[in-house]
Structures are given as structure tokens and as C-alpha cells.
Amino acid sequence: MRTIILLSISNIFMTIAWYGHLKYRNSPLWIVILVSWGIAFFEYCFQVPANRIGYGEFNAAQLKTIQEVITLVVFSAFSILYLNEKFRWNYAVGFGFIILAVFFIFKKW
């Protein structure tokens, strides 16, 4: 559970670093890059411990899959709430396929 919490916090910082600047398109690119790097520092402060703690309970493929699912959830909320974008039906279908991938990765074969 700690791994998932840390990955969630990490993804919030990551999403802000990668996409938060889209509302500030008039800002100079070099400033956006420096600010994004500063925010990404905090992403790594949570991401690295999450993977360290989680590795062993999960294998690397499972950790990456967890991270990707969290990324989609965080990004979906961010794009709707912060960027005011619509969530479309085809996004839900695509995310459904990713959830199907989770099944295959976590299933004991």
C-alpha cells in the first residue's frame, strides 16, 4: 500500500511538471523547463522510494503497470479539472484496454 501511495504522490508531481505549463503558453520556454525540472525533483523523491519499497512485493513489470494506471487516473482528473478538457468515450475504451493489460500482467499463469 505504501508503494501505491508514493506512486500516486509522485504522479501528481509528474503530471504538474509535464502538463501544468500548458496554461501558460506565453511564458518563455526556458522558464517553463526550469520550473518543470524543479517540480520533477519532488516526483523523483517519491518515485524512487516507491520502486525501492515495492520491488520484491511486485516485480518490475508489475511496478511499471501500477505506475501507468495511476498515471492515467491522475492525468484524467488533471486534464478535466485543470485543463478543462472533456473526457471522451474513446479514452474510456483505451483505458479499458490498459486495465485488460493489468489483468494479464498480474495473473499467475
Protein backbone atom coordinates (compact mmCIF):
# COMPACT_ATOMS: atom_id res chain seq x y z
CA MET A 1 0.00 0.00 0.00
CA ARG A 2 2.90 2.39 0.71
CA THR A 3 4.14 1.83 -2.81
CA ILE A 4 0.81 2.81 -4.33
CA ILE A 5 0.52 5.91 -2.14
CA LEU A 6 4.06 7.03 -3.01
CA LEU A 7 3.49 6.35 -6.70
CA SER A 8 0.27 8.37 -6.58
CA ILE A 9 2.01 11.36 -4.99
CA SER A 10 4.85 11.02 -7.49
CA ASN A 11 2.39 11.03 -10.38
CA ILE A 12 0.69 14.17 -9.15
CA PHE A 13 4.04 15.99 -9.24
CA MET A 14 4.89 14.40 -12.60
CA THR A 15 1.62 15.48 -14.18
CA ILE A 16 2.00 19.03 -12.92
CA ALA A 17 5.61 19.16 -14.16
CA TRP A 18 4.80 17.75 -17.59
CA TYR A 19 1.44 19.38 -18.31
CA GLY A 20 0.87 22.24 -15.84
CA HIS A 21 2.65 24.73 -18.07
CA LEU A 22 0.13 24.24 -20.89
CA LYS A 23 -2.00 27.01 -19.37
CA TYR A 24 0.99 29.35 -19.57
CA ARG A 25 1.87 29.15 -23.25
CA ASN A 26 3.13 32.74 -23.28
CA SER A 27 5.82 32.01 -20.68
CA PRO A 28 9.35 31.65 -22.06
CA LEU A 29 10.24 28.02 -22.71
CA TRP A 30 13.45 28.14 -20.67
CA ILE A 31 11.48 29.25 -17.58
CA VAL A 32 8.90 26.51 -18.13
CA ILE A 33 11.70 23.94 -18.39
CA LEU A 34 13.40 25.11 -15.18
CA VAL A 35 10.13 25.20 -13.24
CA SER A 36 9.19 21.75 -14.58
CA TRP A 37 12.55 20.35 -13.53
CA GLY A 38 12.08 21.82 -10.06
CA ILE A 39 8.69 20.16 -9.75
CA ALA A 40 10.04 16.89 -11.19
CA PHE A 41 12.62 16.78 -8.39
CA PHE A 42 9.75 16.10 -5.98
CA GLU A 43 8.38 13.47 -8.35
CA TYR A 44 11.64 11.57 -8.04
CA CYS A 45 11.67 12.00 -4.25
CA PHE A 46 8.54 9.83 -4.20
CA GLN A 47 9.06 7.65 -7.28
CA VAL A 48 12.43 6.21 -6.31
CA PRO A 49 11.40 5.17 -2.78
CA ALA A 50 8.13 3.77 -4.14
CA ASN A 51 10.01 1.48 -6.50
CA ARG A 52 12.56 0.54 -3.85
CA ILE A 53 9.85 -0.35 -1.34
CA GLY A 54 7.63 -2.07 -3.89
CA TYR A 55 10.28 -4.15 -5.62
CA GLY A 56 10.07 -7.60 -4.10
CA GLU A 57 6.37 -7.37 -3.35
CA PHE A 58 5.93 -6.61 -7.06
CA ASN A 59 8.23 -7.39 -9.96
CA ALA A 60 9.45 -4.61 -12.27
CA ALA A 61 6.72 -5.16 -14.88
CA GLN A 62 4.05 -5.02 -12.19
CA LEU A 63 5.53 -1.84 -10.70
CA LYS A 64 5.54 -0.19 -14.11
CA THR A 65 1.97 -1.29 -14.76
CA ILE A 66 0.79 0.11 -11.42
CA GLN A 67 2.57 3.36 -12.21
CA GLU A 68 0.94 3.61 -15.64
CA VAL A 69 -2.57 3.00 -14.30
CA ILE A 70 -2.03 5.65 -11.60
CA THR A 71 -0.70 8.00 -14.28
CA LEU A 72 -3.85 7.58 -16.35
CA VAL A 73 -6.12 8.22 -13.37
CA VAL A 74 -4.16 11.28 -12.23
CA PHE A 75 -3.83 12.63 -15.77
CA SER A 76 -7.53 12.14 -16.49
CA ALA A 77 -8.50 14.09 -13.39
CA PHE A 78 -5.89 16.77 -14.15
CA SER A 79 -6.98 17.23 -17.76
CA ILE A 80 -10.63 17.54 -16.74
CA LEU A 81 -10.20 19.71 -13.65
CA TYR A 82 -7.17 21.84 -14.55
CA LEU A 83 -7.08 21.95 -18.35
CA ASN A 84 -10.90 21.89 -18.68
CA GLU A 85 -10.80 19.17 -21.32
CA LYS A 86 -13.62 16.73 -21.95
CA PHE A 87 -13.25 13.03 -21.17
CA ARG A 88 -14.30 11.24 -24.34
CA TRP A 89 -15.72 7.76 -24.81
CA ASN A 90 -12.69 6.58 -26.77
CA TYR A 91 -10.44 7.47 -23.83
CA ALA A 92 -12.54 5.18 -21.64
CA VAL A 93 -12.24 2.38 -24.21
CA GLY A 94 -8.47 2.84 -24.44
CA PHE A 95 -8.11 2.89 -20.66
CA GLY A 96 -10.25 -0.24 -20.54
CA PHE A 97 -7.71 -2.00 -22.74
CA ILE A 98 -4.96 -0.89 -20.39
CA ILE A 99 -6.91 -2.36 -17.47
CA LEU A 100 -7.08 -5.57 -19.50
CA ALA A 101 -3.27 -5.41 -19.73
CA VAL A 102 -3.19 -5.17 -15.92
CA PHE A 103 -5.13 -8.42 -15.75
CA PHE A 104 -2.61 -10.20 -17.98
CA ILE A 105 0.41 -8.81 -16.17
CA PHE A 106 -0.83 -9.66 -12.66
CA LYS A 107 -2.45 -13.02 -13.44
CA LYS A 108 -0.45 -16.02 -12.21
CA TRP A 109 -0.09 -18.20 -15.30
